[in-house]
Amino acid sequence: MSAGAPLLPSGSASVSSDPSPVSPAPSPVSSSASPVSSSPLSGSSGPAWGGAGAESDRSRGAAPRRGAADPVKALLHRHRDLCEGAVDPLEIAAGLEALGITDRTAARFRHRDVFSLAEELYARVPRDGASRPHPEPVRVPRLGADWILLTLLPGVLGAAVLTGLRLTHGQSRLPLALGGLLAVGLAVRAALRRGPLAASPGTTPWRTATGTRAWTLCLLGYALLGDGLLRAILAGGPDALPTGAPDDPWTVAFAPALALALACAPAAWCAHLLAAGAGRRLVGSRGLEDFTAATRPLLLGTFALFLAALTTLLALCGAALHEGAHYPQALTLGALLLLARLLTVHHHRHAPVLVLGVAAATEAAAPALLVTGRLPGCAFLASPVQSLVDTWGTASVPALACGTAALTLLVHALRTLTRASAHAPTGAPE
């Protein structure tokens, strides 16, 4: 088998009925036990599974490794549950990688990479061919009208709510705004439950999921009202400036909120492109390092594509609503939310909730420090925020908080989402 062959078994060939030259003698692999005879996964430094190489070794009387001379057997005993429950060698390879076994480690087991080691482990476990499910190497969300429409729904509802607020006056505006927020929130929740933005059911602990939602709502709330709150505090209080003035501190920033609602659709498409591209690279790579090197530009490309789409939406929404540019804070918030969702979808849940919480706490600390700084002897507490706002404006606070958080998650994603275990069926357990 050539080094450039794909990594996944074709599923059409079967292992020879003779025992494999690297399998223990008591556990021969039957013809119905494992579809790995001509598997492209085989790339070990030892003989190929089946074929002329294996027959040549048998003719020379090559004995299977036993006891201390058979490290694969010891590895099989340590991870028997993983090997017995796998539906294909790729699932074992993903599990081994998640446990810290790399291509370099696989050399101690007399294999070139983790994939060929996983193939041998898969072949050594006896299975009933009639009850074994068909392999599903990579679960890539298919294009479907259901999730496409669901990702468009938050933006459509957001635009309808803003149109209604522009056409109504007086006391009817508050119920309409509250009802619209509820409708948009439910639409976003539905979009996150289907398609490429949906996490595997039952994989996210309740506490983690609740924390993620809470911090996300805090960040979105600040995007709507945070700049106005800071301006009100800096002006001396809510009554310092008359309501309706050009620099009214209570002006709600609708443009970034609408742009983020509309961005659910490009976020889903970017997540789909990442999953599909990673799946193709997982099939064609020759090892873990090859897969990582091929997936890193894919991740950066999809991330840049989303930022370009969000920038376009911000420009359109700002022009339609006649609002000033909110590019820094909205772009950094959108980037943060996308990276957090991608990590959650691909089984990395703790880092997003932690980073989202730090970003929300940082934004909440800015107005709190300004108010606390007015107490006697506490002026030094407000100095950093005051200097930041005086230099870069009120938008610098959320831009700095969300930008730092997004950069942290991007670095984390480049380490985790470029691993094979993040895109295989089992994912990367935490």
Protein backbone atom coordinates (compact mmCIF):
# COMPACT_ATOMS: atom_id res chain seq x y z
CA MET A 1 0.00 0.00 0.00
CA SER A 2 1.42 3.37 -0.97
CA ALA A 3 2.06 6.08 1.59
CA GLY A 4 -0.39 8.44 -0.07
CA ALA A 5 -3.37 6.12 0.13
CA PRO A 6 -6.49 7.35 1.97
CA LEU A 7 -6.92 6.47 5.61
CA LEU A 8 -10.36 4.92 5.69
CA PRO A 9 -11.29 1.36 4.76
CA SER A 10 -13.32 1.04 1.61
CA GLY A 11 -15.63 -1.44 3.29
CA SER A 12 -15.67 -3.75 0.27
CA ALA A 13 -12.68 -5.98 0.93
CA SER A 14 -12.41 -8.51 3.72
CA VAL A 15 -9.55 -10.02 5.68
CA SER A 16 -8.22 -13.37 4.61
CA SER A 17 -9.45 -16.28 6.66
CA ASP A 18 -5.86 -17.04 7.71
CA PRO A 19 -4.71 -15.43 10.92
CA SER A 20 -2.99 -12.08 10.54
CA PRO A 21 0.78 -12.18 10.98
CA VAL A 22 0.58 -9.61 13.77
CA SER A 23 -2.44 -11.06 15.58
CA PRO A 24 -2.08 -13.43 18.52
CA ALA A 25 -2.53 -17.03 17.53
CA PRO A 26 -5.59 -17.67 19.73
CA SER A 27 -7.59 -14.87 18.02
CA PRO A 28 -7.57 -15.30 14.23
CA VAL A 29 -9.59 -12.76 12.30
CA SER A 30 -12.29 -14.38 10.23
CA SER A 31 -13.42 -13.18 6.86
CA SER A 32 -16.51 -11.60 8.39
CA ALA A 33 -14.76 -10.01 11.31
CA SER A 34 -13.02 -6.97 9.88
CA PRO A 35 -13.04 -5.18 6.52
CA VAL A 36 -9.42 -4.24 6.61
CA SER A 37 -7.59 -6.57 4.23
CA SER A 38 -7.00 -3.95 1.57
CA SER A 39 -7.75 -1.07 3.91
CA PRO A 40 -6.11 2.18 2.99
CA LEU A 41 -5.50 2.65 6.68
CA SER A 42 -2.70 0.16 6.59
CA GLY A 43 0.52 2.01 6.49
CA SER A 44 2.51 0.38 9.25
CA SER A 45 6.13 -0.41 9.03
CA GLY A 46 5.26 -4.09 9.32
CA PRO A 47 3.61 -6.28 6.68
CA ALA A 48 0.37 -5.19 5.01
CA TRP A 49 -2.91 -6.75 6.06
CA GLY A 50 -3.44 -9.64 3.70
CA GLY A 51 -1.99 -9.67 0.20
CA ALA A 52 1.41 -10.73 -1.07
CA GLY A 53 3.35 -9.20 1.85
CA ALA A 54 1.43 -11.24 4.39
CA GLU A 55 1.76 -14.46 2.36
CA SER A 56 5.50 -13.90 2.09
CA ASP A 57 5.79 -13.56 5.86
CA ARG A 58 3.77 -16.73 6.40
CA SER A 59 5.99 -18.62 3.99
CA ARG A 60 9.00 -17.55 6.07
CA GLY A 61 7.26 -18.79 9.22
CA ALA A 62 6.94 -15.37 10.88
CA ALA A 63 5.62 -15.97 14.39
CA PRO A 64 3.09 -13.60 15.99
CA ARG A 65 4.30 -11.38 18.78
CA ARG A 66 3.48 -12.61 22.28
CA GLY A 67 3.78 -11.47 25.84
CA ALA A 68 6.26 -8.68 26.48
CA ALA A 69 7.31 -8.72 22.82
CA ASP A 70 3.77 -7.81 21.75
CA PRO A 71 3.08 -4.25 22.94
CA VAL A 72 -0.08 -4.02 20.81
CA LYS A 73 -1.65 -6.80 22.86
CA ALA A 74 -1.04 -4.86 26.06
CA LEU A 75 -2.51 -1.74 24.49
CA LEU A 76 -5.54 -3.74 23.41
CA HIS A 77 -6.14 -4.95 26.96
CA ARG A 78 -5.90 -1.40 28.35
CA HIS A 79 -8.40 -0.02 25.85
CA ARG A 80 -10.56 -3.05 25.11
CA ASP A 81 -13.81 -1.13 25.58
CA LEU A 82 -12.78 1.42 22.97
CA CYS A 83 -11.70 -1.25 20.50
CA GLU A 84 -14.75 -3.45 20.99
CA GLY A 85 -17.22 -0.58 20.66
CA ALA A 86 -15.65 0.95 17.54
CA VAL A 87 -17.40 0.57 14.20
CA ASP A 88 -14.24 1.21 12.18
CA PRO A 89 -10.49 1.77 12.71
CA LEU A 90 -10.93 5.54 12.46
CA GLU A 91 -12.99 5.59 15.62
CA ILE A 92 -10.18 3.79 17.46
CA ALA A 93 -7.61 6.19 16.01
CA ALA A 94 -9.63 9.16 17.24
CA GLY A 95 -9.93 7.65 20.69
CA LEU A 96 -6.21 6.92 20.89
CA GLU A 97 -5.36 10.45 19.81
CA ALA A 98 -7.72 11.86 22.44
CA LEU A 99 -5.84 9.76 25.02
CA GLY A 100 -2.56 11.37 24.00
CA ILE A 101 -1.17 8.71 21.65
CA THR A 102 0.56 10.38 18.69
CA ASP A 103 2.29 9.14 15.55
CA ARG A 104 5.58 9.25 17.42
CA THR A 105 4.11 7.14 20.21
CA ALA A 106 2.79 4.65 17.66
CA ALA A 107 6.37 3.89 16.64
CA ARG A 108 6.85 2.13 20.00
CA PHE A 109 4.11 -0.25 18.89
CA ARG A 110 5.94 -0.95 15.61
CA HIS A 111 3.62 1.18 13.51
CA ARG A 112 4.23 4.22 11.37
CA ASP A 113 1.24 6.20 12.65
CA VAL A 114 -1.83 6.01 14.87
CA PHE A 115 -4.08 5.03 11.97
CA SER A 116 -2.22 1.82 11.14
CA LEU A 117 -2.02 0.99 14.86
CA ALA A 118 -5.79 1.48 15.11
CA GLU A 119 -6.29 -0.84 12.16
CA GLU A 120 -4.41 -3.63 13.89
CA LEU A 121 -6.34 -3.10 17.13
CA TYR A 122 -9.59 -3.17 15.18
CA ALA A 123 -8.60 -6.39 13.42
CA ARG A 124 -7.60 -8.12 16.65
CA VAL A 125 -11.02 -7.76 18.29
CA PRO A 126 -13.38 -10.59 17.26
CA ARG A 127 -16.71 -9.30 15.95
CA ASP A 128 -19.92 -10.76 14.63
CA GLY A 129 -20.13 -9.49 11.09
CA ALA A 130 -23.92 -9.82 11.02
CA SER A 131 -24.40 -7.48 13.97
CA ARG A 132 -21.69 -4.93 13.18
CA PRO A 133 -23.02 -1.57 11.93
CA HIS A 134 -21.77 -0.09 8.72
CA PRO A 135 -18.85 2.28 9.31
CA GLU A 136 -19.59 5.99 9.41
CA PRO A 137 -16.12 7.51 9.40
CA VAL A 138 -17.07 11.17 9.41
CA ARG A 139 -20.44 12.63 10.32
CA VAL A 140 -20.76 15.66 8.06
CA PRO A 141 -24.11 17.49 8.22
CA ARG A 142 -25.84 17.22 4.90
CA LEU A 143 -27.35 20.15 3.10
CA GLY A 144 -30.98 20.30 4.14
CA ALA A 145 -33.77 22.78 3.67
CA ASP A 146 -34.70 22.45 7.34
CA TRP A 147 -31.51 23.81 8.89
CA ILE A 148 -30.99 26.33 6.09
CA LEU A 149 -34.39 27.86 6.80
CA LEU A 150 -33.84 27.72 10.55
CA THR A 151 -30.60 29.70 10.29
CA LEU A 152 -32.37 32.37 8.23
CA LEU A 153 -35.24 32.65 10.71
CA PRO A 154 -33.46 34.74 13.44
CA GLY A 155 -32.49 37.42 10.94
CA VAL A 156 -35.95 37.55 9.40
CA LEU A 157 -37.63 37.87 12.79
CA GLY A 158 -35.11 40.47 13.92
CA ALA A 159 -35.78 42.60 10.84
CA ALA A 160 -39.54 42.26 11.39
CA VAL A 161 -39.26 43.33 15.03
CA LEU A 162 -37.17 46.39 14.18
CA THR A 163 -39.63 47.36 11.45
CA GLY A 164 -42.46 47.08 13.96
CA LEU A 165 -40.61 49.24 16.47
CA ARG A 166 -40.08 51.91 13.84
CA LEU A 167 -43.79 51.95 13.01
CA THR A 168 -45.16 51.95 16.57
CA HIS A 169 -45.06 54.57 19.30
CA GLY A 170 -45.95 54.91 22.94
CA GLN A 171 -46.69 52.04 25.30
CA SER A 172 -47.07 49.44 22.55
CA ARG A 173 -43.33 49.50 21.85
CA LEU A 174 -42.31 47.73 25.06
CA PRO A 175 -44.51 44.61 24.62
CA LEU A 176 -43.45 44.44 20.97
CA ALA A 177 -39.77 44.66 21.90
CA LEU A 178 -40.06 41.99 24.61
CA GLY A 179 -42.05 39.68 22.34
CA GLY A 180 -39.59 40.21 19.53
CA LEU A 181 -36.61 39.39 21.75
CA LEU A 182 -38.32 36.19 22.87
CA ALA A 183 -39.14 35.19 19.30
CA VAL A 184 -35.59 35.85 18.07
CA GLY A 185 -34.14 33.94 21.03
CA LEU A 186 -36.32 30.91 20.31
CA ALA A 187 -35.36 31.07 16.63
CA VAL A 188 -31.66 31.13 17.49
CA ARG A 189 -32.15 28.18 19.82
CA ALA A 190 -33.88 26.23 17.04
CA ALA A 191 -31.03 27.06 14.62
CA LEU A 192 -28.50 25.72 17.13
CA ARG A 193 -30.35 22.42 17.49
CA ARG A 194 -30.19 21.30 13.85
CA GLY A 195 -27.59 21.31 11.15
CA PRO A 196 -23.87 22.05 11.42
CA LEU A 197 -24.28 24.30 14.49
CA ALA A 198 -25.91 21.55 16.53
CA ALA A 199 -23.94 19.76 19.22
CA SER A 200 -24.37 16.01 19.70
CA PRO A 201 -27.36 15.36 21.98
CA GLY A 202 -26.43 14.50 25.52
CA THR A 203 -22.76 15.47 25.14
CA THR A 204 -22.97 18.87 26.88
CA PRO A 205 -23.52 18.84 30.67
CA TRP A 206 -26.48 20.85 31.86
CA ARG A 207 -24.34 23.21 33.93
CA THR A 208 -22.01 23.92 31.03
CA ALA A 209 -24.89 24.53 28.62
CA THR A 210 -26.63 26.84 31.09
CA GLY A 211 -23.44 28.81 31.70
CA THR A 212 -22.83 29.22 27.98
CA ARG A 213 -26.35 30.56 27.42
CA ALA A 214 -26.14 32.93 30.36
CA TRP A 215 -22.80 34.44 29.34
CA THR A 216 -23.93 34.72 25.71
CA LEU A 217 -27.05 36.63 26.76
CA CYS A 218 -24.92 38.98 28.86
CA LEU A 219 -22.63 39.70 25.92
CA LEU A 220 -25.57 40.31 23.58
CA GLY A 221 -27.24 42.54 26.16
CA TYR A 222 -24.10 44.64 26.42
CA ALA A 223 -23.97 44.89 22.62
CA LEU A 224 -27.46 46.43 22.75
CA LEU A 225 -27.18 48.69 25.80
CA GLY A 226 -23.58 48.72 26.99
CA ASP A 227 -22.30 51.71 25.04
CA GLY A 228 -25.29 53.78 26.08
CA LEU A 229 -24.81 52.82 29.72
CA LEU A 230 -21.15 53.87 29.64
CA ARG A 231 -22.04 57.20 28.05
CA ALA A 232 -24.67 57.80 30.70
CA ILE A 233 -22.23 57.11 33.53
CA LEU A 234 -19.53 59.29 31.98
CA ALA A 235 -22.05 62.10 31.48
CA GLY A 236 -22.87 62.09 35.18
CA GLY A 237 -26.02 59.99 35.27
CA PRO A 238 -29.12 59.16 33.24
CA ASP A 239 -30.56 62.67 33.62
CA ALA A 240 -27.42 64.53 32.60
CA LEU A 241 -28.46 64.73 28.96
CA PRO A 242 -32.02 65.25 27.70
CA THR A 243 -33.69 62.24 26.11
CA GLY A 244 -33.74 62.55 22.35
CA ALA A 245 -30.58 64.61 22.12
CA PRO A 246 -28.12 63.71 19.35
CA ASP A 247 -25.82 62.15 21.94
CA ASP A 248 -28.62 60.53 23.91
CA PRO A 249 -26.91 58.00 26.21
CA TRP A 250 -29.87 55.63 26.12
CA THR A 251 -29.73 55.01 22.38
CA VAL A 252 -29.99 51.26 21.73
CA ALA A 253 -27.56 49.83 19.18
CA PHE A 254 -29.91 47.89 16.92
CA ALA A 255 -27.57 47.53 13.93
CA PRO A 256 -25.05 45.12 15.55
CA ALA A 257 -27.87 43.07 17.09
CA LEU A 258 -29.60 42.68 13.72
CA ALA A 259 -26.31 41.90 11.97
CA LEU A 260 -25.52 39.17 14.51
CA ALA A 261 -29.00 37.67 14.05
CA LEU A 262 -28.55 37.64 10.29
CA ALA A 263 -25.07 36.13 10.76
CA CYS A 264 -26.57 32.83 11.96
CA ALA A 265 -26.85 31.76 8.31
CA PRO A 266 -23.19 32.40 7.30
CA ALA A 267 -22.06 30.89 10.62
CA ALA A 268 -23.90 27.67 9.79
CA TRP A 269 -22.43 27.59 6.28
CA CYS A 270 -18.92 28.15 7.61
CA ALA A 271 -19.40 25.35 10.16
CA HIS A 272 -20.61 23.09 7.35
CA LEU A 273 -17.60 23.94 5.18
CA LEU A 274 -15.27 23.19 8.07
CA ALA A 275 -16.88 19.83 8.83
CA ALA A 276 -17.02 18.77 5.17
CA GLY A 277 -13.47 19.90 4.42
CA ALA A 278 -12.08 18.24 7.55
CA GLY A 279 -13.87 15.03 6.61
CA ARG A 280 -12.28 14.95 3.18
CA ARG A 281 -8.86 15.67 4.64
CA LEU A 282 -9.33 12.97 7.25
CA VAL A 283 -9.95 10.43 4.51
CA GLY A 284 -6.97 11.51 2.43
CA SER A 285 -4.33 12.15 5.09
CA ARG A 286 -1.48 9.74 5.81
CA GLY A 287 -1.09 10.56 9.50
CA LEU A 288 -2.08 12.88 12.32
CA GLU A 289 0.51 15.50 11.45
CA ASP A 290 -0.60 15.51 7.81
CA PHE A 291 -4.20 16.02 8.86
CA THR A 292 -3.33 18.88 11.21
CA ALA A 293 -1.25 20.64 8.56
CA ALA A 294 -4.09 20.34 6.03
CA THR A 295 -6.86 21.39 8.43
CA ARG A 296 -5.23 24.50 9.91
CA PRO A 297 -5.60 26.66 6.75
CA LEU A 298 -9.15 25.33 6.34
CA LEU A 299 -10.08 26.55 9.82
CA LEU A 300 -8.48 29.95 9.29
CA GLY A 301 -10.15 30.26 5.89
CA THR A 302 -13.66 29.54 7.16
CA PHE A 303 -13.08 31.92 10.08
CA ALA A 304 -12.00 34.71 7.71
CA LEU A 305 -15.00 33.98 5.47
CA PHE A 306 -17.36 34.46 8.41
CA LEU A 307 -15.72 37.74 9.38
CA ALA A 308 -16.10 39.00 5.81
CA ALA A 309 -19.78 38.05 5.78
CA LEU A 310 -20.36 39.70 9.17
CA THR A 311 -18.60 42.89 8.03
CA THR A 312 -20.90 43.07 5.02
CA LEU A 313 -23.98 42.56 7.18
CA LEU A 314 -22.84 45.27 9.61
CA ALA A 315 -22.41 47.75 6.76
CA LEU A 316 -25.85 46.96 5.35
CA CYS A 317 -27.60 47.10 8.72
CA GLY A 318 -25.86 50.33 9.70
CA ALA A 319 -26.90 51.96 6.43
CA ALA A 320 -30.48 50.68 6.70
CA LEU A 321 -30.95 51.79 10.31
CA HIS A 322 -28.94 55.02 9.93
CA GLU A 323 -26.65 54.10 12.80
CA GLY A 324 -22.96 54.70 13.16
CA ALA A 325 -20.44 51.96 12.53
CA HIS A 326 -20.23 49.31 15.23
CA TYR A 327 -17.59 47.24 13.50
CA PRO A 328 -15.04 46.66 16.29
CA GLN A 329 -17.34 45.43 19.04
CA ALA A 330 -19.73 43.55 16.72
CA LEU A 331 -16.95 41.85 14.76
CA THR A 332 -15.11 40.70 17.86
CA LEU A 333 -18.35 39.50 19.49
CA GLY A 334 -19.37 37.61 16.34
CA ALA A 335 -15.94 36.00 16.10
CA LEU A 336 -16.10 35.00 19.76
CA LEU A 337 -19.55 33.44 19.45
CA LEU A 338 -18.62 31.51 16.28
CA LEU A 339 -15.45 30.04 17.77
CA ALA A 340 -17.28 29.12 20.98
CA ARG A 341 -19.97 27.33 18.98
CA LEU A 342 -17.48 25.48 16.76
CA LEU A 343 -15.62 24.22 19.81
CA THR A 344 -18.87 23.13 21.45
CA VAL A 345 -20.01 21.30 18.31
CA HIS A 346 -16.70 19.45 18.11
CA HIS A 347 -16.78 18.26 21.74
CA HIS A 348 -14.66 20.95 23.41
CA ARG A 349 -17.07 22.57 25.84
CA HIS A 350 -15.18 23.83 28.89
CA ALA A 351 -12.95 26.42 27.23
CA PRO A 352 -15.86 28.27 25.54
CA VAL A 353 -17.91 28.68 28.71
CA LEU A 354 -14.84 29.84 30.64
CA VAL A 355 -13.75 32.39 28.03
CA LEU A 356 -17.30 33.67 27.50
CA GLY A 357 -17.64 34.17 31.24
CA VAL A 358 -14.38 36.13 31.45
CA ALA A 359 -15.44 38.37 28.54
CA ALA A 360 -18.85 39.07 30.08
CA ALA A 361 -17.29 39.79 33.47
CA THR A 362 -14.82 42.20 31.87
CA GLU A 363 -17.59 44.12 30.15
CA ALA A 364 -19.63 44.27 33.36
CA ALA A 365 -16.58 45.48 35.30
CA ALA A 366 -16.17 48.58 33.13
CA PRO A 367 -19.31 50.48 34.27
CA ALA A 368 -18.92 49.08 37.78
CA LEU A 369 -15.40 50.54 38.06
CA LEU A 370 -16.56 53.90 36.76
CA VAL A 371 -19.28 54.08 39.41
CA THR A 372 -16.98 52.81 42.17
CA GLY A 373 -14.36 55.38 41.21
CA ARG A 374 -16.66 58.15 42.37
CA LEU A 375 -16.41 57.02 45.96
CA PRO A 376 -13.93 58.91 48.14
CA GLY A 377 -10.40 57.59 47.69
CA CYS A 378 -11.39 55.16 44.91
CA ALA A 379 -10.71 57.29 41.85
CA PHE A 380 -7.80 55.08 40.87
CA LEU A 381 -10.24 52.23 40.14
CA ALA A 382 -11.88 54.16 37.32
CA SER A 383 -8.61 55.38 35.81
CA PRO A 384 -8.00 52.45 33.40
CA VAL A 385 -11.53 52.50 32.01
CA GLN A 386 -11.59 56.31 31.83
CA SER A 387 -8.30 56.39 29.93
CA LEU A 388 -9.44 53.68 27.53
CA VAL A 389 -12.74 55.42 26.79
CA ASP A 390 -11.11 58.84 26.42
CA THR A 391 -8.61 57.45 23.91
CA TRP A 392 -10.68 55.01 21.84
CA GLY A 393 -14.31 55.67 22.78
CA THR A 394 -16.92 53.54 24.51
CA ALA A 395 -16.72 50.87 21.79
CA SER A 396 -13.19 50.03 22.90
CA VAL A 397 -14.42 48.28 26.06
CA PRO A 398 -16.41 45.46 24.35
CA ALA A 399 -13.93 45.37 21.47
CA LEU A 400 -11.04 44.75 23.86
CA ALA A 401 -12.93 42.24 26.02
CA CYS A 402 -14.40 40.21 23.14
CA GLY A 403 -11.33 40.58 20.95
CA THR A 404 -9.01 39.17 23.60
CA ALA A 405 -11.45 36.34 24.29
CA ALA A 406 -11.84 35.56 20.57
CA LEU A 407 -8.07 35.49 20.09
CA THR A 408 -7.76 33.09 23.03
CA LEU A 409 -10.38 30.76 21.58
CA LEU A 410 -8.78 30.97 18.13
CA VAL A 411 -5.45 29.80 19.53
CA HIS A 412 -7.27 27.01 21.38
CA ALA A 413 -9.19 26.06 18.23
CA LEU A 414 -6.00 25.85 16.18
CA ARG A 415 -4.77 23.26 18.69
CA THR A 416 -7.97 21.26 19.10
CA LEU A 417 -10.09 21.58 15.96
CA THR A 418 -7.14 20.55 13.79
CA ARG A 419 -6.95 17.14 15.49
CA ALA A 420 -8.52 14.09 13.92
CA SER A 421 -10.38 13.25 17.12
CA ALA A 422 -12.37 16.49 16.86
CA HIS A 423 -13.91 15.41 13.53
CA ALA A 424 -14.24 11.65 14.00
CA PRO A 425 -17.46 10.05 15.33
CA THR A 426 -16.22 9.78 18.89
CA GLY A 427 -14.89 13.34 19.15
CA ALA A 428 -12.41 14.39 21.81
CA PRO A 429 -13.63 13.65 25.31
CA GLU A 430 -12.94 16.21 27.97
